[in-house]
Amino acid sequence: MRSLFIILGCLSLVAWFLWYQFIASMACAFGSVSGNCTTPAPWELNSEDLQFMVLIPGAITLAFFVIAFFAKSSKKNDR
């Protein structure tokens, strides 16, 4: 069971990174007229951007790893 949550944690970490890059690139595509746009660092974000791009995905990822830490191993000799 532990390995399942570790895999889910790693997959959510990758999904978090891809989601952050996708949203930042869409903001550049639709928000910058000049074309000079960079991806902001997570600590440069404010309000809703910080919440939806960093805090919620980070909490989901952290939850998977915390559950994996407390989950029992699925080995038969591990009792």
PDB file of N, CA and C in Angstrom:
ATOM      1  N   MET A   1       0.810  -1.178   0.000  1.00  0.00           N
ATOM      2  CA  MET A   1       0.000   0.000   0.000  1.00  0.00           C
ATOM      3  C   MET A   1       0.866   1.260   0.000  1.00  0.00           C
ATOM      4  N   ARG A   2       1.969   1.156   0.701  1.00  0.00           N
ATOM      5  CA  ARG A   2       2.881   2.289   0.789  1.00  0.00           C
ATOM      6  C   ARG A   2       3.439   2.672  -0.585  1.00  0.00           C
ATOM      7  N   SER A   3       3.786   1.671  -1.373  1.00  0.00           N
ATOM      8  CA  SER A   3       4.361   1.961  -2.693  1.00  0.00           C
ATOM      9  C   SER A   3       3.338   2.624  -3.611  1.00  0.00           C
ATOM     10  N   LEU A   4       2.063   2.286  -3.453  1.00  0.00           N
ATOM     11  CA  LEU A   4       1.017   2.928  -4.244  1.00  0.00           C
ATOM     12  C   LEU A   4       0.956   4.421  -3.957  1.00  0.00           C
ATOM     13  N   PHE A   5       1.015   4.802  -2.685  1.00  0.00           N
ATOM     14  CA  PHE A   5       0.959   6.214  -2.334  1.00  0.00           C
ATOM     15  C   PHE A   5       2.238   6.948  -2.714  1.00  0.00           C
ATOM     16  N   ILE A   6       3.371   6.273  -2.697  1.00  0.00           N
ATOM     17  CA  ILE A   6       4.608   6.902  -3.164  1.00  0.00           C
ATOM     18  C   ILE A   6       4.531   7.162  -4.659  1.00  0.00           C
ATOM     19  N   ILE A   7       4.006   6.201  -5.408  1.00  0.00           N
ATOM     20  CA  ILE A   7       3.830   6.394  -6.854  1.00  0.00           C
ATOM     21  C   ILE A   7       2.854   7.527  -7.117  1.00  0.00           C
ATOM     22  N   LEU A   8       1.734   7.556  -6.389  1.00  0.00           N
ATOM     23  CA  LEU A   8       0.765   8.647  -6.560  1.00  0.00           C
ATOM     24  C   LEU A   8       1.375   9.997  -6.185  1.00  0.00           C
ATOM     25  N   GLY A   9       2.208  10.022  -5.169  1.00  0.00           N
ATOM     26  CA  GLY A   9       2.883  11.254  -4.785  1.00  0.00           C
ATOM     27  C   GLY A   9       3.837  11.739  -5.860  1.00  0.00           C
ATOM     28  N   CYS A  10       4.580  10.821  -6.439  1.00  0.00           N
ATOM     29  CA  CYS A  10       5.507  11.196  -7.517  1.00  0.00           C
ATOM     30  C   CYS A  10       4.754  11.659  -8.760  1.00  0.00           C
ATOM     31  N   LEU A  11       3.668  10.970  -9.092  1.00  0.00           N
ATOM     32  CA  LEU A  11       2.862  11.388 -10.239  1.00  0.00           C
ATOM     33  C   LEU A  11       2.218  12.751 -10.004  1.00  0.00           C
ATOM     34  N   SER A  12       1.759  13.001  -8.785  1.00  0.00           N
ATOM     35  CA  SER A  12       1.170  14.304  -8.509  1.00  0.00           C
ATOM     36  C   SER A  12       2.224  15.405  -8.492  1.00  0.00           C
ATOM     37  N   LEU A  13       3.453  15.073  -8.137  1.00  0.00           N
ATOM     38  CA  LEU A  13       4.539  16.047  -8.196  1.00  0.00           C
ATOM     39  C   LEU A  13       4.834  16.441  -9.644  1.00  0.00           C
ATOM     40  N   VAL A  14       4.860  15.458 -10.537  1.00  0.00           N
ATOM     41  CA  VAL A  14       5.062  15.738 -11.961  1.00  0.00           C
ATOM     42  C   VAL A  14       3.881  16.534 -12.516  1.00  0.00           C
ATOM     43  N   ALA A  15       2.661  16.139 -12.137  1.00  0.00           N
ATOM     44  CA  ALA A  15       1.467  16.841 -12.609  1.00  0.00           C
ATOM     45  C   ALA A  15       1.445  18.282 -12.095  1.00  0.00           C
ATOM     46  N   TRP A  16       1.904  18.489 -10.867  1.00  0.00           N
ATOM     47  CA  TRP A  16       1.978  19.833 -10.296  1.00  0.00           C
ATOM     48  C   TRP A  16       2.913  20.705 -11.122  1.00  0.00           C
ATOM     49  N   PHE A  17       4.079  20.185 -11.462  1.00  0.00           N
ATOM     50  CA  PHE A  17       5.036  20.935 -12.275  1.00  0.00           C
ATOM     51  C   PHE A  17       4.455  21.255 -13.655  1.00  0.00           C
ATOM     52  N   LEU A  18       3.844  20.266 -14.290  1.00  0.00           N
ATOM     53  CA  LEU A  18       3.262  20.491 -15.615  1.00  0.00           C
ATOM     54  C   LEU A  18       2.103  21.476 -15.563  1.00  0.00           C
ATOM     55  N   TRP A  19       1.270  21.383 -14.530  1.00  0.00           N
ATOM     56  CA  TRP A  19       0.158  22.311 -14.354  1.00  0.00           C
ATOM     57  C   TRP A  19       0.678  23.732 -14.176  1.00  0.00           C
ATOM     58  N   TYR A  20       1.703  23.910 -13.368  1.00  0.00           N
ATOM     59  CA  TYR A  20       2.284  25.238 -13.130  1.00  0.00           C
ATOM     60  C   TYR A  20       2.825  25.825 -14.432  1.00  0.00           C
ATOM     61  N   GLN A  21       3.539  25.017 -15.195  1.00  0.00           N
ATOM     62  CA  GLN A  21       4.091  25.498 -16.459  1.00  0.00           C
ATOM     63  C   GLN A  21       2.987  25.820 -17.470  1.00  0.00           C
ATOM     64  N   PHE A  22       1.949  24.995 -17.508  1.00  0.00           N
ATOM     65  CA  PHE A  22       0.843  25.222 -18.440  1.00  0.00           C
ATOM     66  C   PHE A  22       0.119  26.522 -18.122  1.00  0.00           C
ATOM     67  N   ILE A  23      -0.233  26.734 -16.860  1.00  0.00           N
ATOM     68  CA  ILE A  23      -0.953  27.951 -16.478  1.00  0.00           C
ATOM     69  C   ILE A  23      -0.085  29.188 -16.699  1.00  0.00           C
ATOM     70  N   ALA A  24       1.194  29.112 -16.365  1.00  0.00           N
ATOM     71  CA  ALA A  24       2.085  30.255 -16.562  1.00  0.00           C
ATOM     72  C   ALA A  24       2.258  30.562 -18.044  1.00  0.00           C
ATOM     73  N   SER A  25       2.345  29.537 -18.881  1.00  0.00           N
ATOM     74  CA  SER A  25       2.496  29.793 -20.315  1.00  0.00           C
ATOM     75  C   SER A  25       1.208  30.333 -20.924  1.00  0.00           C
ATOM     76  N   MET A  26       0.053  29.885 -20.434  1.00  0.00           N
ATOM     77  CA  MET A  26      -1.211  30.443 -20.925  1.00  0.00           C
ATOM     78  C   MET A  26      -1.356  31.904 -20.506  1.00  0.00           C
ATOM     79  N   ALA A  27      -0.900  32.244 -19.309  1.00  0.00           N
ATOM     80  CA  ALA A  27      -0.941  33.638 -18.869  1.00  0.00           C
ATOM     81  C   ALA A  27      -0.038  34.502 -19.741  1.00  0.00           C
ATOM     82  N   CYS A  28       1.103  33.965 -20.138  1.00  0.00           N
ATOM     83  CA  CYS A  28       1.992  34.707 -21.034  1.00  0.00           C
ATOM     84  C   CYS A  28       1.362  34.851 -22.420  1.00  0.00           C
ATOM     85  N   ALA A  29       0.720  33.805 -22.883  1.00  0.00           N
ATOM     86  CA  ALA A  29       0.149  33.839 -24.225  1.00  0.00           C
ATOM     87  C   ALA A  29      -0.994  34.841 -24.331  1.00  0.00           C
ATOM     88  N   PHE A  30      -1.802  34.934 -23.312  1.00  0.00           N
ATOM     89  CA  PHE A  30      -2.970  35.803 -23.382  1.00  0.00           C
ATOM     90  C   PHE A  30      -2.808  37.122 -22.644  1.00  0.00           C
ATOM     91  N   GLY A  31      -1.727  37.285 -21.902  1.00  0.00           N
ATOM     92  CA  GLY A  31      -1.576  38.496 -21.107  1.00  0.00           C
ATOM     93  C   GLY A  31      -0.465  39.418 -21.533  1.00  0.00           C
ATOM     94  N   SER A  32       0.472  38.935 -22.330  1.00  0.00           N
ATOM     95  CA  SER A  32       1.619  39.742 -22.720  1.00  0.00           C
ATOM     96  C   SER A  32       1.533  40.071 -24.207  1.00  0.00           C
ATOM     97  N   VAL A  33       1.419  41.351 -24.503  1.00  0.00           N
ATOM     98  CA  VAL A  33       1.321  41.780 -25.901  1.00  0.00           C
ATOM     99  C   VAL A  33       2.684  41.763 -26.574  1.00  0.00           C
ATOM    100  N   SER A  34       3.725  42.110 -25.839  1.00  0.00           N
ATOM    101  CA  SER A  34       5.054  42.222 -26.428  1.00  0.00           C
ATOM    102  C   SER A  34       5.734  40.878 -26.660  1.00  0.00           C
ATOM    103  N   GLY A  35       5.301  39.842 -25.970  1.00  0.00           N
ATOM    104  CA  GLY A  35       5.924  38.534 -26.116  1.00  0.00           C
ATOM    105  C   GLY A  35       7.056  38.290 -25.145  1.00  0.00           C
ATOM    106  N   ASN A  36       7.452  39.318 -24.399  1.00  0.00           N
ATOM    107  CA  ASN A  36       8.498  39.169 -23.381  1.00  0.00           C
ATOM    108  C   ASN A  36       7.842  38.782 -22.062  1.00  0.00           C
ATOM    109  N   CYS A  37       7.776  37.492 -21.821  1.00  0.00           N
ATOM    110  CA  CYS A  37       7.114  37.018 -20.617  1.00  0.00           C
ATOM    111  C   CYS A  37       7.918  35.860 -20.041  1.00  0.00           C
ATOM    112  N   THR A  38       8.088  35.874 -18.740  1.00  0.00           N
ATOM    113  CA  THR A  38       8.796  34.789 -18.069  1.00  0.00           C
ATOM    114  C   THR A  38       7.856  34.125 -17.074  1.00  0.00           C
ATOM    115  N   THR A  39       8.169  32.908 -16.724  1.00  0.00           N
ATOM    116  CA  THR A  39       7.383  32.187 -15.728  1.00  0.00           C
ATOM    117  C   THR A  39       7.751  32.719 -14.348  1.00  0.00           C
ATOM    118  N   PRO A  40       6.755  33.186 -13.579  1.00  0.00           N
ATOM    119  CA  PRO A  40       7.077  33.710 -12.250  1.00  0.00           C
ATOM    120  C   PRO A  40       7.431  32.586 -11.283  1.00  0.00           C
ATOM    121  N   ALA A  41       8.312  32.897 -10.366  1.00  0.00           N
ATOM    122  CA  ALA A  41       8.657  31.933  -9.324  1.00  0.00           C
ATOM    123  C   ALA A  41       7.458  31.778  -8.385  1.00  0.00           C
ATOM    124  N   PRO A  42       7.306  30.624  -7.752  1.00  0.00           N
ATOM    125  CA  PRO A  42       6.150  30.421  -6.866  1.00  0.00           C
ATOM    126  C   PRO A  42       6.045  31.451  -5.741  1.00  0.00           C
ATOM    127  N   TRP A  43       7.149  31.944  -5.220  1.00  0.00           N
ATOM    128  CA  TRP A  43       7.110  32.908  -4.126  1.00  0.00           C
ATOM    129  C   TRP A  43       6.796  34.320  -4.608  1.00  0.00           C
ATOM    130  N   GLU A  44       6.703  34.524  -5.929  1.00  0.00           N
ATOM    131  CA  GLU A  44       6.330  35.828  -6.474  1.00  0.00           C
ATOM    132  C   GLU A  44       4.825  35.939  -6.738  1.00  0.00           C
ATOM    133  N   LEU A  45       4.091  34.873  -6.523  1.00  0.00           N
ATOM    134  CA  LEU A  45       2.661  34.873  -6.810  1.00  0.00           C
ATOM    135  C   LEU A  45       1.861  35.456  -5.653  1.00  0.00           C
ATOM    136  N   ASN A  46       0.660  35.944  -5.991  1.00  0.00           N
ATOM    137  CA  ASN A  46      -0.220  36.528  -4.984  1.00  0.00           C
ATOM    138  C   ASN A  46      -1.608  35.909  -5.067  1.00  0.00           C
ATOM    139  N   SER A  47      -2.345  35.995  -4.026  1.00  0.00           N
ATOM    140  CA  SER A  47      -3.755  35.633  -3.861  1.00  0.00           C
ATOM    141  C   SER A  47      -4.169  34.367  -4.594  1.00  0.00           C
ATOM    142  N   GLU A  48      -5.069  34.476  -5.585  1.00  0.00           N
ATOM    143  CA  GLU A  48      -5.615  33.282  -6.228  1.00  0.00           C
ATOM    144  C   GLU A  48      -4.555  32.502  -6.993  1.00  0.00           C
ATOM    145  N   ASP A  49      -3.604  33.197  -7.586  1.00  0.00           N
ATOM    146  CA  ASP A  49      -2.536  32.502  -8.308  1.00  0.00           C
ATOM    147  C   ASP A  49      -1.738  31.608  -7.364  1.00  0.00           C
ATOM    148  N   LEU A  50      -1.397  32.139  -6.224  1.00  0.00           N
ATOM    149  CA  LEU A  50      -0.661  31.354  -5.227  1.00  0.00           C
ATOM    150  C   LEU A  50      -1.494  30.171  -4.746  1.00  0.00           C
ATOM    151  N   GLN A  51      -2.763  30.407  -4.529  1.00  0.00           N
ATOM    152  CA  GLN A  51      -3.628  29.353  -4.013  1.00  0.00           C
ATOM    153  C   GLN A  51      -3.793  28.217  -5.017  1.00  0.00           C
ATOM    154  N   PHE A  52      -4.124  28.535  -6.269  1.00  0.00           N
ATOM    155  CA  PHE A  52      -4.440  27.506  -7.245  1.00  0.00           C
ATOM    156  C   PHE A  52      -3.226  26.921  -7.959  1.00  0.00           C
ATOM    157  N   MET A  53      -2.102  27.626  -7.937  1.00  0.00           N
ATOM    158  CA  MET A  53      -0.918  27.124  -8.623  1.00  0.00           C
ATOM    159  C   MET A  53       0.114  26.512  -7.687  1.00  0.00           C
ATOM    160  N   VAL A  54       0.032  26.836  -6.390  1.00  0.00           N
ATOM    161  CA  VAL A  54       1.061  26.352  -5.463  1.00  0.00           C
ATOM    162  C   VAL A  54       0.461  25.623  -4.255  1.00  0.00           C
ATOM    163  N   LEU A  55      -0.428  26.274  -3.543  1.00  0.00           N
ATOM    164  CA  LEU A  55      -0.868  25.729  -2.258  1.00  0.00           C
ATOM    165  C   LEU A  55      -1.731  24.477  -2.385  1.00  0.00           C
ATOM    166  N   ILE A  56      -2.738  24.501  -3.227  1.00  0.00           N
ATOM    167  CA  ILE A  56      -3.619  23.332  -3.354  1.00  0.00           C
ATOM    168  C   ILE A  56      -2.894  22.141  -3.977  1.00  0.00           C
ATOM    169  N   PRO A  57      -2.190  22.306  -5.111  1.00  0.00           N
ATOM    170  CA  PRO A  57      -1.448  21.142  -5.630  1.00  0.00           C
ATOM    171  C   PRO A  57      -0.352  20.655  -4.680  1.00  0.00           C
ATOM    172  N   GLY A  58       0.279  21.579  -3.973  1.00  0.00           N
ATOM    173  CA  GLY A  58       1.297  21.183  -3.010  1.00  0.00           C
ATOM    174  C   GLY A  58       0.712  20.410  -1.843  1.00  0.00           C
ATOM    175  N   ALA A  59      -0.483  20.791  -1.407  1.00  0.00           N
ATOM    176  CA  ALA A  59      -1.147  20.078  -0.308  1.00  0.00           C
ATOM    177  C   ALA A  59      -1.541  18.672  -0.731  1.00  0.00           C
ATOM    178  N   ILE A  60      -2.003  18.517  -1.964  1.00  0.00           N
ATOM    179  CA  ILE A  60      -2.365  17.190  -2.465  1.00  0.00           C
ATOM    180  C   ILE A  60      -1.131  16.294  -2.539  1.00  0.00           C
ATOM    181  N   THR A  61      -0.048  16.826  -3.076  1.00  0.00           N
ATOM    182  CA  THR A  61       1.201  16.067  -3.176  1.00  0.00           C
ATOM    183  C   THR A  61       1.725  15.703  -1.791  1.00  0.00           C
ATOM    184  N   LEU A  62       1.722  16.656  -0.887  1.00  0.00           N
ATOM    185  CA  LEU A  62       2.184  16.393   0.475  1.00  0.00           C
ATOM    186  C   LEU A  62       1.313  15.351   1.164  1.00  0.00           C
ATOM    187  N   ALA A  63       0.014  15.396   0.918  1.00  0.00           N
ATOM    188  CA  ALA A  63      -0.891  14.418   1.530  1.00  0.00           C
ATOM    189  C   ALA A  63      -0.555  12.999   1.078  1.00  0.00           C
ATOM    190  N   PHE A  64      -0.251  12.818  -0.201  1.00  0.00           N
ATOM    191  CA  PHE A  64       0.118  11.485  -0.681  1.00  0.00           C
ATOM    192  C   PHE A  64       1.379  10.980   0.011  1.00  0.00           C
ATOM    193  N   PHE A  65       2.382  11.836   0.165  1.00  0.00           N
ATOM    194  CA  PHE A  65       3.624  11.401   0.801  1.00  0.00           C
ATOM    195  C   PHE A  65       3.447  11.169   2.306  1.00  0.00           C
ATOM    196  N   VAL A  66       2.599  11.951   2.961  1.00  0.00           N
ATOM    197  CA  VAL A  66       2.336  11.734   4.387  1.00  0.00           C
ATOM    198  C   VAL A  66       1.578  10.421   4.589  1.00  0.00           C
ATOM    199  N   ILE A  67       0.594  10.161   3.730  1.00  0.00           N
ATOM    200  CA  ILE A  67      -0.128   8.893   3.818  1.00  0.00           C
ATOM    201  C   ILE A  67       0.828   7.729   3.560  1.00  0.00           C
ATOM    202  N   ALA A  68       1.732   7.882   2.607  1.00  0.00           N
ATOM    203  CA  ALA A  68       2.708   6.826   2.324  1.00  0.00           C
ATOM    204  C   ALA A  68       3.631   6.604   3.519  1.00  0.00           C
ATOM    205  N   PHE A  69       3.961   7.661   4.223  1.00  0.00           N
ATOM    206  CA  PHE A  69       4.834   7.533   5.385  1.00  0.00           C
ATOM    207  C   PHE A  69       4.165   6.721   6.495  1.00  0.00           C
ATOM    208  N   PHE A  70       2.856   6.934   6.671  1.00  0.00           N
ATOM    209  CA  PHE A  70       2.144   6.248   7.745  1.00  0.00           C
ATOM    210  C   PHE A  70       1.493   4.937   7.308  1.00  0.00           C
ATOM    211  N   ALA A  71       1.484   4.651   6.032  1.00  0.00           N
ATOM    212  CA  ALA A  71       0.866   3.420   5.547  1.00  0.00           C
ATOM    213  C   ALA A  71       1.734   2.218   5.880  1.00  0.00           C
ATOM    214  N   LYS A  72       1.080   1.101   6.036  1.00  0.00           N
ATOM    215  CA  LYS A  72       1.812  -0.134   6.311  1.00  0.00           C
ATOM    216  C   LYS A  72       2.349  -0.705   5.005  1.00  0.00           C
ATOM    217  N   SER A  73       3.467  -1.347   5.122  1.00  0.00           N
ATOM    218  CA  SER A  73       4.046  -2.008   3.972  1.00  0.00           C
ATOM    219  C   SER A  73       3.221  -3.237   3.625  1.00  0.00           C
ATOM    220  N   SER A  74       3.200  -3.602   2.351  1.00  0.00           N
ATOM    221  CA  SER A  74       2.371  -4.734   1.922  1.00  0.00           C
ATOM    222  C   SER A  74       3.140  -6.060   1.941  1.00  0.00           C
ATOM    223  N   LYS A  75       4.333  -6.090   2.517  1.00  0.00           N
ATOM    224  CA  LYS A  75       5.104  -7.328   2.598  1.00  0.00           C
ATOM    225  C   LYS A  75       4.450  -8.262   3.630  1.00  0.00           C
ATOM    226  N   LYS A  76       4.458  -9.552   3.338  1.00  0.00           N
ATOM    227  CA  LYS A  76       3.823 -10.514   4.240  1.00  0.00           C
ATOM    228  C   LYS A  76       4.648 -10.742   5.502  1.00  0.00           C
ATOM    229  N   ASN A  77       5.952 -10.592   5.426  1.00  0.00           N
ATOM    230  CA  ASN A  77       6.810 -10.820   6.595  1.00  0.00           C
ATOM    231  C   ASN A  77       6.898  -9.595   7.486  1.00  0.00           C
ATOM    232  N   ASP A  78       6.337  -8.494   7.061  1.00  0.00           N
ATOM    233  CA  ASP A  78       6.418  -7.241   7.787  1.00  0.00           C
ATOM    234  C   ASP A  78       5.180  -7.058   8.667  1.00  0.00           C
ATOM    235  N   ARG A  79       5.171  -7.648   9.856  1.00  0.00           N
ATOM    236  CA  ARG A  79       3.998  -7.543  10.721  1.00  0.00           C
ATOM    237  C   ARG A  79       4.349  -6.887  11.987  1.00  0.00           C
TER     238      ARG A  79
END
